[in-house]
Amino acid sequence: MAVHKNIDLQLLECFDTLMRERNVSRAAERMGLSQSAMSETLARLRDRFDDPLLVRGREGMQPTPRALELAPKVHDIVARLRELSSGPEEFEADACSTRFRLTTSDYTQFLLMPRLVEKLTAVAPLVSVDVLPVNIRRVEEALDLGEIDLAVAYFIDPPQSLKRRPLFRERYVGVARKGHPEIRPDLTVAQFSALRHISVAPSGLTYFSGALDSMLAVDGLSRRIAITSPHFLLAAYLVASSDLVLAIPSRAAHRLSALLPLTVFDIPLALPEIQIAMYWHERSHNSSAHQWFRDQVREALPRDLAKPEVQLRIATR
């Protein structure tokens, strides 16, 4: 038989309760209704399903074959609708087994991942994280398609369709190998530009160093680019064993100089800072698991977000 329209949650809940209680009075009490209201509801159910559903027998109300057929289906629907209408369950990190997909540059991975791994191991050992190389050209599309869950990146013009949370501001400094013969406090802009440089271009884009090149162009200067790499960390290792120099975000420079024989110096230009932020899709905005993961990423970033000490300061014009 076809089911008529206007089957709402309360009507199905009443059916589910009647089938469990097999008694109108007890079902009414459980549902917080009067006996007459429950009797009226039973009449509506009989009309909607075109079946008596419950009939009087020697041992009280007895379900019809149609009611017995409907009972497990209605119970499942009621349980699912209650789950949907009750709002998100309280998030339990130690029981979470979600695989999160995070995209960011190798520079941010270097700053973020050691502490994030430590935190997740301690509080959410079942969680997995896929760390993917950032492709700025596709971040918006990848989030929209669900290929990634979270991006930590720098955009000149942040996509308006994405949710965004600023994390920290960053500035560029120079790094060179310790003992580099041409790095000194009186280094001029012209001398700096004449050095052999590594240019880092994540996703093949050069806007990380574009501001530097634009400011040099004002004075009719340009850098001698010997190597272009998509990775900051590879570039730093090449610098440590050559006379190449590199413009790199200051926090990475500070960390790398503790691991490699590098000198960190001020670039003799008043370069603008950049804003690093988290980006995610509206789809995961209210997810308790994803909210928790975004908090873990934010908290895992180094607390020493003050500008790190530069080992060699050069007067800027």
C-alpha atoms as a PDB file:
ATOM      1  CA  MET A   1       0.000   0.000   0.000  1.00  0.00           C
ATOM      2  CA  ALA A   2       1.226   3.507  -0.754  1.00  0.00           C
ATOM      3  CA  VAL A   3       1.928   5.714   2.261  1.00  0.00           C
ATOM      4  CA  HIS A   4       0.119   9.015   2.297  1.00  0.00           C
ATOM      5  CA  LYS A   5       1.850  12.351   2.732  1.00  0.00           C
ATOM      6  CA  ASN A   6       2.506  14.289   5.943  1.00  0.00           C
ATOM      7  CA  ILE A   7       4.480  11.646   7.841  1.00  0.00           C
ATOM      8  CA  ASP A   8       6.433  13.740  10.346  1.00  0.00           C
ATOM      9  CA  LEU A   9       8.934  12.779  13.013  1.00  0.00           C
ATOM     10  CA  GLN A  10       6.461  12.966  15.908  1.00  0.00           C
ATOM     11  CA  LEU A  11       3.987  10.692  14.094  1.00  0.00           C
ATOM     12  CA  LEU A  12       6.706   8.119  13.471  1.00  0.00           C
ATOM     13  CA  GLU A  13       7.910   8.415  17.080  1.00  0.00           C
ATOM     14  CA  CYS A  14       4.374   7.691  18.263  1.00  0.00           C
ATOM     15  CA  PHE A  15       4.194   4.610  16.032  1.00  0.00           C
ATOM     16  CA  ASP A  16       7.556   3.411  17.343  1.00  0.00           C
ATOM     17  CA  THR A  17       6.402   3.898  20.949  1.00  0.00           C
ATOM     18  CA  LEU A  18       3.041   2.218  20.373  1.00  0.00           C
ATOM     19  CA  MET A  19       4.771  -0.800  18.893  1.00  0.00           C
ATOM     20  CA  ARG A  20       7.026  -1.092  21.926  1.00  0.00           C
ATOM     21  CA  GLU A  21       4.342  -0.495  24.560  1.00  0.00           C
ATOM     22  CA  ARG A  22       1.362  -2.176  22.823  1.00  0.00           C
ATOM     23  CA  ASN A  23      -0.763   0.059  25.051  1.00  0.00           C
ATOM     24  CA  VAL A  24      -2.205   3.497  24.225  1.00  0.00           C
ATOM     25  CA  SER A  25      -2.098   4.797  27.805  1.00  0.00           C
ATOM     26  CA  ARG A  26       1.529   3.805  28.410  1.00  0.00           C
ATOM     27  CA  ALA A  27       2.590   5.084  25.002  1.00  0.00           C
ATOM     28  CA  ALA A  28       0.867   8.416  25.722  1.00  0.00           C
ATOM     29  CA  GLU A  29       2.664   8.711  29.062  1.00  0.00           C
ATOM     30  CA  ARG A  30       6.046   7.937  27.488  1.00  0.00           C
ATOM     31  CA  MET A  31       5.475  10.533  24.764  1.00  0.00           C
ATOM     32  CA  GLY A  32       4.162  13.174  27.177  1.00  0.00           C
ATOM     33  CA  LEU A  33       0.710  13.210  25.541  1.00  0.00           C
ATOM     34  CA  SER A  34      -2.823  12.715  26.838  1.00  0.00           C
ATOM     35  CA  GLN A  35      -4.523   9.400  26.189  1.00  0.00           C
ATOM     36  CA  SER A  36      -6.996  11.076  23.838  1.00  0.00           C
ATOM     37  CA  ALA A  37      -4.151  12.715  21.874  1.00  0.00           C
ATOM     38  CA  MET A  38      -2.426   9.358  21.472  1.00  0.00           C
ATOM     39  CA  SER A  39      -5.686   7.723  20.382  1.00  0.00           C
ATOM     40  CA  GLU A  40      -6.078  10.455  17.774  1.00  0.00           C
ATOM     41  CA  THR A  41      -2.504   9.887  16.629  1.00  0.00           C
ATOM     42  CA  LEU A  42      -3.155   6.159  16.258  1.00  0.00           C
ATOM     43  CA  ALA A  43      -6.167   6.997  14.096  1.00  0.00           C
ATOM     44  CA  ARG A  44      -3.944   9.211  11.907  1.00  0.00           C
ATOM     45  CA  LEU A  45      -1.379   6.424  11.607  1.00  0.00           C
ATOM     46  CA  ARG A  46      -4.075   3.970  10.561  1.00  0.00           C
ATOM     47  CA  ASP A  47      -5.216   6.422   7.925  1.00  0.00           C
ATOM     48  CA  ARG A  48      -1.704   7.156   6.647  1.00  0.00           C
ATOM     49  CA  PHE A  49      -0.743   3.476   6.362  1.00  0.00           C
ATOM     50  CA  ASP A  50      -4.228   2.259   5.378  1.00  0.00           C
ATOM     51  CA  ASP A  51      -4.045  -0.483   7.995  1.00  0.00           C
ATOM     52  CA  PRO A  52      -5.398  -1.014  11.549  1.00  0.00           C
ATOM     53  CA  LEU A  53      -1.786  -1.474  12.772  1.00  0.00           C
ATOM     54  CA  LEU A  54      -2.837  -2.381  16.341  1.00  0.00           C
ATOM     55  CA  VAL A  55      -5.988  -4.360  17.167  1.00  0.00           C
ATOM     56  CA  ARG A  56      -7.448  -5.538  20.468  1.00  0.00           C
ATOM     57  CA  GLY A  57      -6.685  -9.125  21.482  1.00  0.00           C
ATOM     58  CA  ARG A  58      -6.877 -11.285  24.572  1.00  0.00           C
ATOM     59  CA  GLU A  59      -3.563  -9.944  25.836  1.00  0.00           C
ATOM     60  CA  GLY A  60      -4.051  -6.303  24.865  1.00  0.00           C
ATOM     61  CA  MET A  61      -3.180  -4.522  21.621  1.00  0.00           C
ATOM     62  CA  GLN A  62      -1.671  -6.795  18.975  1.00  0.00           C
ATOM     63  CA  PRO A  63       0.212  -5.598  15.872  1.00  0.00           C
ATOM     64  CA  THR A  64      -1.014  -6.512  12.427  1.00  0.00           C
ATOM     65  CA  PRO A  65       1.341  -8.124   9.883  1.00  0.00           C
ATOM     66  CA  ARG A  66       1.651  -4.706   8.234  1.00  0.00           C
ATOM     67  CA  ALA A  67       2.665  -3.119  11.545  1.00  0.00           C
ATOM     68  CA  LEU A  68       5.263  -5.833  12.159  1.00  0.00           C
ATOM     69  CA  GLU A  69       6.667  -5.192   8.675  1.00  0.00           C
ATOM     70  CA  LEU A  70       6.847  -1.446   9.286  1.00  0.00           C
ATOM     71  CA  ALA A  71       8.187  -1.527  12.864  1.00  0.00           C
ATOM     72  CA  PRO A  72      11.940  -2.077  12.218  1.00  0.00           C
ATOM     73  CA  LYS A  73      11.947   0.362   9.316  1.00  0.00           C
ATOM     74  CA  VAL A  74      10.211   3.082  11.319  1.00  0.00           C
ATOM     75  CA  HIS A  75      12.468   2.474  14.319  1.00  0.00           C
ATOM     76  CA  ASP A  76      15.544   2.942  12.105  1.00  0.00           C
ATOM     77  CA  ILE A  77      14.124   6.138  10.560  1.00  0.00           C
ATOM     78  CA  VAL A  78      13.265   7.557  13.993  1.00  0.00           C
ATOM     79  CA  ALA A  79      16.768   6.807  15.304  1.00  0.00           C
ATOM     80  CA  ARG A  80      18.402   8.475  12.302  1.00  0.00           C
ATOM     81  CA  LEU A  81      16.143  11.531  12.459  1.00  0.00           C
ATOM     82  CA  ARG A  82      16.820  11.921  16.180  1.00  0.00           C
ATOM     83  CA  GLU A  83      20.531  11.766  15.455  1.00  0.00           C
ATOM     84  CA  LEU A  84      20.210  14.453  12.784  1.00  0.00           C
ATOM     85  CA  SER A  85      18.078  16.750  14.920  1.00  0.00           C
ATOM     86  CA  SER A  86      20.079  16.347  18.121  1.00  0.00           C
ATOM     87  CA  GLY A  87      23.111  18.253  16.822  1.00  0.00           C
ATOM     88  CA  PRO A  88      26.724  17.077  16.787  1.00  0.00           C
ATOM     89  CA  GLU A  89      27.860  14.580  19.374  1.00  0.00           C
ATOM     90  CA  GLU A  90      30.561  15.590  21.805  1.00  0.00           C
ATOM     91  CA  PHE A  91      33.911  15.075  20.110  1.00  0.00           C
ATOM     92  CA  GLU A  92      36.256  12.525  21.664  1.00  0.00           C
ATOM     93  CA  ALA A  93      39.781  12.863  20.345  1.00  0.00           C
ATOM     94  CA  ASP A  94      41.011   9.520  21.665  1.00  0.00           C
ATOM     95  CA  ALA A  95      38.279   7.712  19.687  1.00  0.00           C
ATOM     96  CA  CYS A  96      38.659   9.723  16.465  1.00  0.00           C
ATOM     97  CA  SER A  97      40.071   7.762  13.524  1.00  0.00           C
ATOM     98  CA  THR A  98      39.630  10.385  10.798  1.00  0.00           C
ATOM     99  CA  ARG A  99      42.276  10.745   8.086  1.00  0.00           C
ATOM    100  CA  PHE A 100      42.827  14.493   7.583  1.00  0.00           C
ATOM    101  CA  ARG A 101      44.415  15.823   4.400  1.00  0.00           C
ATOM    102  CA  LEU A 102      46.570  18.890   4.924  1.00  0.00           C
ATOM    103  CA  THR A 103      48.357  20.859   2.225  1.00  0.00           C
ATOM    104  CA  THR A 104      51.087  23.395   2.875  1.00  0.00           C
ATOM    105  CA  SER A 105      54.592  24.365   1.790  1.00  0.00           C
ATOM    106  CA  ASP A 106      57.644  22.468   2.969  1.00  0.00           C
ATOM    107  CA  TYR A 107      58.583  25.573   4.981  1.00  0.00           C
ATOM    108  CA  THR A 108      55.360  25.395   7.016  1.00  0.00           C
ATOM    109  CA  GLN A 109      55.618  21.603   7.283  1.00  0.00           C
ATOM    110  CA  PHE A 110      59.051  22.131   8.829  1.00  0.00           C
ATOM    111  CA  LEU A 111      57.609  24.483  11.450  1.00  0.00           C
ATOM    112  CA  LEU A 112      54.349  22.629  12.072  1.00  0.00           C
ATOM    113  CA  MET A 113      54.714  18.876  11.786  1.00  0.00           C
ATOM    114  CA  PRO A 114      57.081  17.936  14.644  1.00  0.00           C
ATOM    115  CA  ARG A 115      54.808  19.383  17.329  1.00  0.00           C
ATOM    116  CA  LEU A 116      51.602  18.325  15.551  1.00  0.00           C
ATOM    117  CA  VAL A 117      52.790  14.709  15.415  1.00  0.00           C
ATOM    118  CA  GLU A 118      53.671  14.904  19.107  1.00  0.00           C
ATOM    119  CA  LYS A 119      50.240  16.293  20.004  1.00  0.00           C
ATOM    120  CA  LEU A 120      48.291  13.770  17.925  1.00  0.00           C
ATOM    121  CA  THR A 121      50.295  10.852  19.275  1.00  0.00           C
ATOM    122  CA  ALA A 122      49.462  11.936  22.819  1.00  0.00           C
ATOM    123  CA  VAL A 123      45.752  12.743  22.504  1.00  0.00           C
ATOM    124  CA  ALA A 124      44.483  11.141  19.270  1.00  0.00           C
ATOM    125  CA  PRO A 125      46.602   8.118  18.358  1.00  0.00           C
ATOM    126  CA  LEU A 126      44.032   6.811  15.837  1.00  0.00           C
ATOM    127  CA  VAL A 127      44.073   9.997  13.737  1.00  0.00           C
ATOM    128  CA  SER A 128      46.008   9.984  10.449  1.00  0.00           C
ATOM    129  CA  VAL A 129      47.295  12.993   8.511  1.00  0.00           C
ATOM    130  CA  ASP A 130      48.169  13.055   4.829  1.00  0.00           C
ATOM    131  CA  VAL A 131      50.553  15.971   4.260  1.00  0.00           C
ATOM    132  CA  LEU A 132      50.412  17.057   0.635  1.00  0.00           C
ATOM    133  CA  PRO A 133      52.561  19.583  -1.265  1.00  0.00           C
ATOM    134  CA  VAL A 134      50.774  22.869  -1.729  1.00  0.00           C
ATOM    135  CA  ASN A 135      49.557  23.863  -5.175  1.00  0.00           C
ATOM    136  CA  ILE A 136      48.297  27.411  -4.776  1.00  0.00           C
ATOM    137  CA  ARG A 137      46.650  27.318  -8.191  1.00  0.00           C
ATOM    138  CA  ARG A 138      44.416  24.427  -7.084  1.00  0.00           C
ATOM    139  CA  VAL A 139      43.802  25.005  -3.362  1.00  0.00           C
ATOM    140  CA  GLU A 140      40.316  26.430  -3.844  1.00  0.00           C
ATOM    141  CA  GLU A 141      39.330  23.697  -6.305  1.00  0.00           C
ATOM    142  CA  ALA A 142      40.854  20.901  -4.198  1.00  0.00           C
ATOM    143  CA  LEU A 143      38.969  22.054  -1.077  1.00  0.00           C
ATOM    144  CA  ASP A 144      35.758  22.339  -3.083  1.00  0.00           C
ATOM    145  CA  LEU A 145      36.165  18.797  -4.454  1.00  0.00           C
ATOM    146  CA  GLY A 146      37.051  17.385  -1.041  1.00  0.00           C
ATOM    147  CA  GLU A 147      40.548  16.352  -2.170  1.00  0.00           C
ATOM    148  CA  ILE A 148      42.009  18.188   0.835  1.00  0.00           C
ATOM    149  CA  ASP A 149      40.546  19.274   4.181  1.00  0.00           C
ATOM    150  CA  LEU A 150      42.806  22.137   5.193  1.00  0.00           C
ATOM    151  CA  ALA A 151      45.379  24.424   3.572  1.00  0.00           C
ATOM    152  CA  VAL A 152      47.983  26.513   5.361  1.00  0.00           C
ATOM    153  CA  ALA A 153      49.245  29.002   2.828  1.00  0.00           C
ATOM    154  CA  TYR A 154      49.845  32.561   1.701  1.00  0.00           C
ATOM    155  CA  PHE A 155      47.544  34.105  -0.878  1.00  0.00           C
ATOM    156  CA  ILE A 156      48.000  37.556  -2.364  1.00  0.00           C
ATOM    157  CA  ASP A 157      44.219  37.626  -2.873  1.00  0.00           C
ATOM    158  CA  PRO A 158      42.578  35.052  -0.543  1.00  0.00           C
ATOM    159  CA  PRO A 159      39.666  33.188  -2.201  1.00  0.00           C
ATOM    160  CA  GLN A 160      36.400  34.639  -0.946  1.00  0.00           C
ATOM    161  CA  SER A 161      34.631  31.279  -1.155  1.00  0.00           C
ATOM    162  CA  LEU A 162      36.831  29.734   1.551  1.00  0.00           C
ATOM    163  CA  LYS A 163      36.740  30.022   5.323  1.00  0.00           C
ATOM    164  CA  ARG A 164      39.921  31.645   6.614  1.00  0.00           C
ATOM    165  CA  ARG A 165      41.804  32.096   9.886  1.00  0.00           C
ATOM    166  CA  PRO A 166      45.035  34.157  10.027  1.00  0.00           C
ATOM    167  CA  LEU A 167      47.882  32.390  11.815  1.00  0.00           C
ATOM    168  CA  PHE A 168      50.927  34.651  11.781  1.00  0.00           C
ATOM    169  CA  ARG A 169      52.792  37.256   9.787  1.00  0.00           C
ATOM    170  CA  GLU A 170      56.144  36.492   8.259  1.00  0.00           C
ATOM    171  CA  ARG A 171      59.060  38.474   6.856  1.00  0.00           C
ATOM    172  CA  TYR A 172      61.915  37.497   4.584  1.00  0.00           C
ATOM    173  CA  VAL A 173      65.579  37.424   5.548  1.00  0.00           C
ATOM    174  CA  GLY A 174      68.679  36.245   3.736  1.00  0.00           C
ATOM    175  CA  VAL A 175      70.677  33.108   4.492  1.00  0.00           C
ATOM    176  CA  ALA A 176      74.190  32.280   3.345  1.00  0.00           C
ATOM    177  CA  ARG A 177      76.780  29.764   4.419  1.00  0.00           C
ATOM    178  CA  LYS A 178      78.866  30.725   7.413  1.00  0.00           C
ATOM    179  CA  GLY A 179      82.040  32.391   6.240  1.00  0.00           C
ATOM    180  CA  HIS A 180      80.547  33.565   2.941  1.00  0.00           C
ATOM    181  CA  PRO A 181      83.131  36.179   1.831  1.00  0.00           C
ATOM    182  CA  GLU A 182      80.590  38.672   0.462  1.00  0.00           C
ATOM    183  CA  ILE A 183      78.114  38.827   3.366  1.00  0.00           C
ATOM    184  CA  ARG A 184      79.048  41.757   5.587  1.00  0.00           C
ATOM    185  CA  PRO A 185      77.304  44.557   7.488  1.00  0.00           C
ATOM    186  CA  ASP A 186      77.937  47.159   4.782  1.00  0.00           C
ATOM    187  CA  LEU A 187      76.376  45.036   2.005  1.00  0.00           C
ATOM    188  CA  THR A 188      74.609  47.341  -0.441  1.00  0.00           C
ATOM    189  CA  VAL A 189      71.460  46.635  -2.444  1.00  0.00           C
ATOM    190  CA  ALA A 190      73.529  46.434  -5.638  1.00  0.00           C
ATOM    191  CA  GLN A 191      75.974  44.001  -4.043  1.00  0.00           C
ATOM    192  CA  PHE A 192      73.122  41.894  -2.694  1.00  0.00           C
ATOM    193  CA  SER A 193      71.438  41.662  -6.089  1.00  0.00           C
ATOM    194  CA  ALA A 194      74.739  40.692  -7.729  1.00  0.00           C
ATOM    195  CA  LEU A 195      75.163  37.617  -5.517  1.00  0.00           C
ATOM    196  CA  ARG A 196      74.234  34.221  -6.961  1.00  0.00           C
ATOM    197  CA  HIS A 197      70.711  33.464  -5.705  1.00  0.00           C
ATOM    198  CA  ILE A 198      68.411  30.496  -5.305  1.00  0.00           C
ATOM    199  CA  SER A 199      64.806  31.475  -5.999  1.00  0.00           C
ATOM    200  CA  VAL A 200      62.054  29.407  -4.388  1.00  0.00           C
ATOM    201  CA  ALA A 201      58.852  29.059  -6.393  1.00  0.00           C
ATOM    202  CA  PRO A 202      56.277  26.728  -4.764  1.00  0.00           C
ATOM    203  CA  SER A 203      53.757  25.455  -7.337  1.00  0.00           C
ATOM    204  CA  GLY A 204      55.912  27.164  -9.973  1.00  0.00           C
ATOM    205  CA  LEU A 205      54.794  30.584  -8.680  1.00  0.00           C
ATOM    206  CA  THR A 206      57.326  33.288  -7.906  1.00  0.00           C
ATOM    207  CA  TYR A 207      55.223  35.636  -5.787  1.00  0.00           C
ATOM    208  CA  PHE A 208      57.037  34.535  -2.629  1.00  0.00           C
ATOM    209  CA  SER A 209      60.018  36.446  -3.939  1.00  0.00           C
ATOM    210  CA  GLY A 210      58.123  38.755  -6.299  1.00  0.00           C
ATOM    211  CA  ALA A 211      58.109  41.664  -3.851  1.00  0.00           C
ATOM    212  CA  LEU A 212      61.876  41.414  -3.546  1.00  0.00           C
ATOM    213  CA  ASP A 213      62.394  41.468  -7.302  1.00  0.00           C
ATOM    214  CA  SER A 214      59.902  44.313  -7.735  1.00  0.00           C
ATOM    215  CA  MET A 215      61.726  46.489  -5.206  1.00  0.00           C
ATOM    216  CA  LEU A 216      65.071  45.769  -6.833  1.00  0.00           C
ATOM    217  CA  ALA A 217      63.611  46.710 -10.206  1.00  0.00           C
ATOM    218  CA  VAL A 218      62.825  50.207  -8.862  1.00  0.00           C
ATOM    219  CA  ASP A 219      66.597  50.766  -8.702  1.00  0.00           C
ATOM    220  CA  GLY A 220      67.112  49.112 -12.069  1.00  0.00           C
ATOM    221  CA  LEU A 221      68.530  45.996 -10.434  1.00  0.00           C
ATOM    222  CA  SER A 222      67.755  42.300 -10.701  1.00  0.00           C
ATOM    223  CA  ARG A 223      69.010  39.208  -8.923  1.00  0.00           C
ATOM    224  CA  ARG A 224      71.352  36.697 -10.491  1.00  0.00           C
ATOM    225  CA  ILE A 225      69.152  33.598 -10.236  1.00  0.00           C
ATOM    226  CA  ALA A 226      71.403  30.551 -10.452  1.00  0.00           C
ATOM    227  CA  ILE A 227      68.832  27.941  -9.371  1.00  0.00           C
ATOM    228  CA  THR A 228      65.042  27.871  -9.009  1.00  0.00           C
ATOM    229  CA  SER A 229      63.557  25.283  -6.648  1.00  0.00           C
ATOM    230  CA  PRO A 230      60.025  24.543  -5.442  1.00  0.00           C
ATOM    231  CA  HIS A 231      61.350  23.709  -1.944  1.00  0.00           C
ATOM    232  CA  PHE A 232      62.713  26.037   0.732  1.00  0.00           C
ATOM    233  CA  LEU A 233      64.492  23.272   2.621  1.00  0.00           C
ATOM    234  CA  LEU A 234      66.341  21.928  -0.417  1.00  0.00           C
ATOM    235  CA  ALA A 235      67.405  25.478  -1.212  1.00  0.00           C
ATOM    236  CA  ALA A 236      68.747  25.968   2.324  1.00  0.00           C
ATOM    237  CA  TYR A 237      70.838  22.805   2.099  1.00  0.00           C
ATOM    238  CA  LEU A 238      72.307  23.957  -1.225  1.00  0.00           C
ATOM    239  CA  VAL A 239      73.144  27.345   0.298  1.00  0.00           C
ATOM    240  CA  ALA A 240      74.935  25.699   3.243  1.00  0.00           C
ATOM    241  CA  SER A 241      77.426  24.037   0.880  1.00  0.00           C
ATOM    242  CA  SER A 242      77.960  26.783  -1.707  1.00  0.00           C
ATOM    243  CA  ASP A 243      78.269  30.537  -2.189  1.00  0.00           C
ATOM    244  CA  LEU A 244      74.599  30.828  -3.168  1.00  0.00           C
ATOM    245  CA  VAL A 245      72.247  32.954  -1.073  1.00  0.00           C
ATOM    246  CA  LEU A 246      68.558  32.570  -0.369  1.00  0.00           C
ATOM    247  CA  ALA A 247      65.657  34.801   0.659  1.00  0.00           C
ATOM    248  CA  ILE A 248      63.560  32.722   3.062  1.00  0.00           C
ATOM    249  CA  PRO A 249      60.859  33.284   5.714  1.00  0.00           C
ATOM    250  CA  SER A 250      62.504  34.295   8.958  1.00  0.00           C
ATOM    251  CA  ARG A 251      61.202  31.504  11.185  1.00  0.00           C
ATOM    252  CA  ALA A 252      62.473  28.819   8.847  1.00  0.00           C
ATOM    253  CA  ALA A 253      65.803  30.637   8.632  1.00  0.00           C
ATOM    254  CA  HIS A 254      66.047  30.701  12.418  1.00  0.00           C
ATOM    255  CA  ARG A 255      65.323  26.970  12.740  1.00  0.00           C
ATOM    256  CA  LEU A 256      67.597  25.968   9.854  1.00  0.00           C
ATOM    257  CA  SER A 257      70.529  27.993  11.160  1.00  0.00           C
ATOM    258  CA  ALA A 258      70.470  25.774  14.258  1.00  0.00           C
ATOM    259  CA  LEU A 259      70.820  22.680  12.046  1.00  0.00           C
ATOM    260  CA  LEU A 260      73.045  23.895   9.218  1.00  0.00           C
ATOM    261  CA  PRO A 261      76.136  26.132   9.023  1.00  0.00           C
ATOM    262  CA  LEU A 262      74.144  29.186   7.946  1.00  0.00           C
ATOM    263  CA  THR A 263      74.356  32.906   8.614  1.00  0.00           C
ATOM    264  CA  VAL A 264      71.046  34.768   8.745  1.00  0.00           C
ATOM    265  CA  PHE A 265      71.200  38.362   7.574  1.00  0.00           C
ATOM    266  CA  ASP A 266      68.863  41.248   6.940  1.00  0.00           C
ATOM    267  CA  ILE A 267      68.106  41.907   3.301  1.00  0.00           C
ATOM    268  CA  PRO A 268      68.959  45.575   2.584  1.00  0.00           C
ATOM    269  CA  LEU A 269      65.393  46.385   1.502  1.00  0.00           C
ATOM    270  CA  ALA A 270      62.258  47.289   3.447  1.00  0.00           C
ATOM    271  CA  LEU A 271      60.306  44.214   2.353  1.00  0.00           C
ATOM    272  CA  PRO A 272      56.604  43.863   3.254  1.00  0.00           C
ATOM    273  CA  GLU A 273      55.445  41.088   5.566  1.00  0.00           C
ATOM    274  CA  ILE A 274      53.208  38.269   4.355  1.00  0.00           C
ATOM    275  CA  GLN A 275      50.169  36.736   6.104  1.00  0.00           C
ATOM    276  CA  ILE A 276      50.069  32.960   6.595  1.00  0.00           C
ATOM    277  CA  ALA A 277      46.539  31.647   7.177  1.00  0.00           C
ATOM    278  CA  MET A 278      44.453  28.474   7.336  1.00  0.00           C
ATOM    279  CA  TYR A 279      41.806  27.896   4.653  1.00  0.00           C
ATOM    280  CA  TRP A 280      38.967  25.374   4.618  1.00  0.00           C
ATOM    281  CA  HIS A 281      35.645  24.726   2.901  1.00  0.00           C
ATOM    282  CA  GLU A 282      32.216  25.624   4.250  1.00  0.00           C
ATOM    283  CA  ARG A 283      31.381  21.906   4.138  1.00  0.00           C
ATOM    284  CA  SER A 284      33.666  21.107   7.083  1.00  0.00           C
ATOM    285  CA  HIS A 285      33.182  24.377   8.951  1.00  0.00           C
ATOM    286  CA  ASN A 286      30.819  22.978  11.619  1.00  0.00           C
ATOM    287  CA  SER A 287      32.295  19.497  11.846  1.00  0.00           C
ATOM    288  CA  SER A 288      33.468  18.903  15.419  1.00  0.00           C
ATOM    289  CA  ALA A 289      36.319  16.692  14.185  1.00  0.00           C
ATOM    290  CA  HIS A 290      37.538  19.262  11.689  1.00  0.00           C
ATOM    291  CA  GLN A 291      37.173  22.115  14.178  1.00  0.00           C
ATOM    292  CA  TRP A 292      39.310  20.120  16.591  1.00  0.00           C
ATOM    293  CA  PHE A 293      41.938  19.397  13.924  1.00  0.00           C
ATOM    294  CA  ARG A 294      42.147  23.087  12.953  1.00  0.00           C
ATOM    295  CA  ASP A 295      42.744  23.912  16.615  1.00  0.00           C
ATOM    296  CA  GLN A 296      45.512  21.306  16.791  1.00  0.00           C
ATOM    297  CA  VAL A 297      47.237  22.822  13.746  1.00  0.00           C
ATOM    298  CA  ARG A 298      46.993  26.331  15.171  1.00  0.00           C
ATOM    299  CA  GLU A 299      48.323  25.249  18.567  1.00  0.00           C
ATOM    300  CA  ALA A 300      51.135  23.173  17.046  1.00  0.00           C
ATOM    301  CA  LEU A 301      52.720  26.149  15.328  1.00  0.00           C
ATOM    302  CA  PRO A 302      55.738  27.406  17.272  1.00  0.00           C
ATOM    303  CA  ARG A 303      54.964  29.745  20.125  1.00  0.00           C
ATOM    304  CA  ASP A 304      58.063  31.849  19.418  1.00  0.00           C
ATOM    305  CA  LEU A 305      56.272  33.889  16.789  1.00  0.00           C
ATOM    306  CA  ALA A 306      58.240  37.006  17.614  1.00  0.00           C
ATOM    307  CA  LYS A 307      60.734  37.857  14.906  1.00  0.00           C
ATOM    308  CA  PRO A 308      63.775  35.624  15.426  1.00  0.00           C
ATOM    309  CA  GLU A 309      67.146  37.148  16.070  1.00  0.00           C
ATOM    310  CA  VAL A 310      69.121  37.927  12.925  1.00  0.00           C
ATOM    311  CA  GLN A 311      72.786  36.997  13.173  1.00  0.00           C
ATOM    312  CA  LEU A 312      74.012  39.770  10.875  1.00  0.00           C
ATOM    313  CA  ARG A 313      72.146  43.039  10.566  1.00  0.00           C
ATOM    314  CA  ILE A 314      72.641  45.136   7.457  1.00  0.00           C
ATOM    315  CA  ALA A 315      71.445  48.704   7.318  1.00  0.00           C
ATOM    316  CA  THR A 316      68.509  49.111   4.944  1.00  0.00           C
ATOM    317  CA  ARG A 317      68.043  52.259   2.989  1.00  0.00           C
END
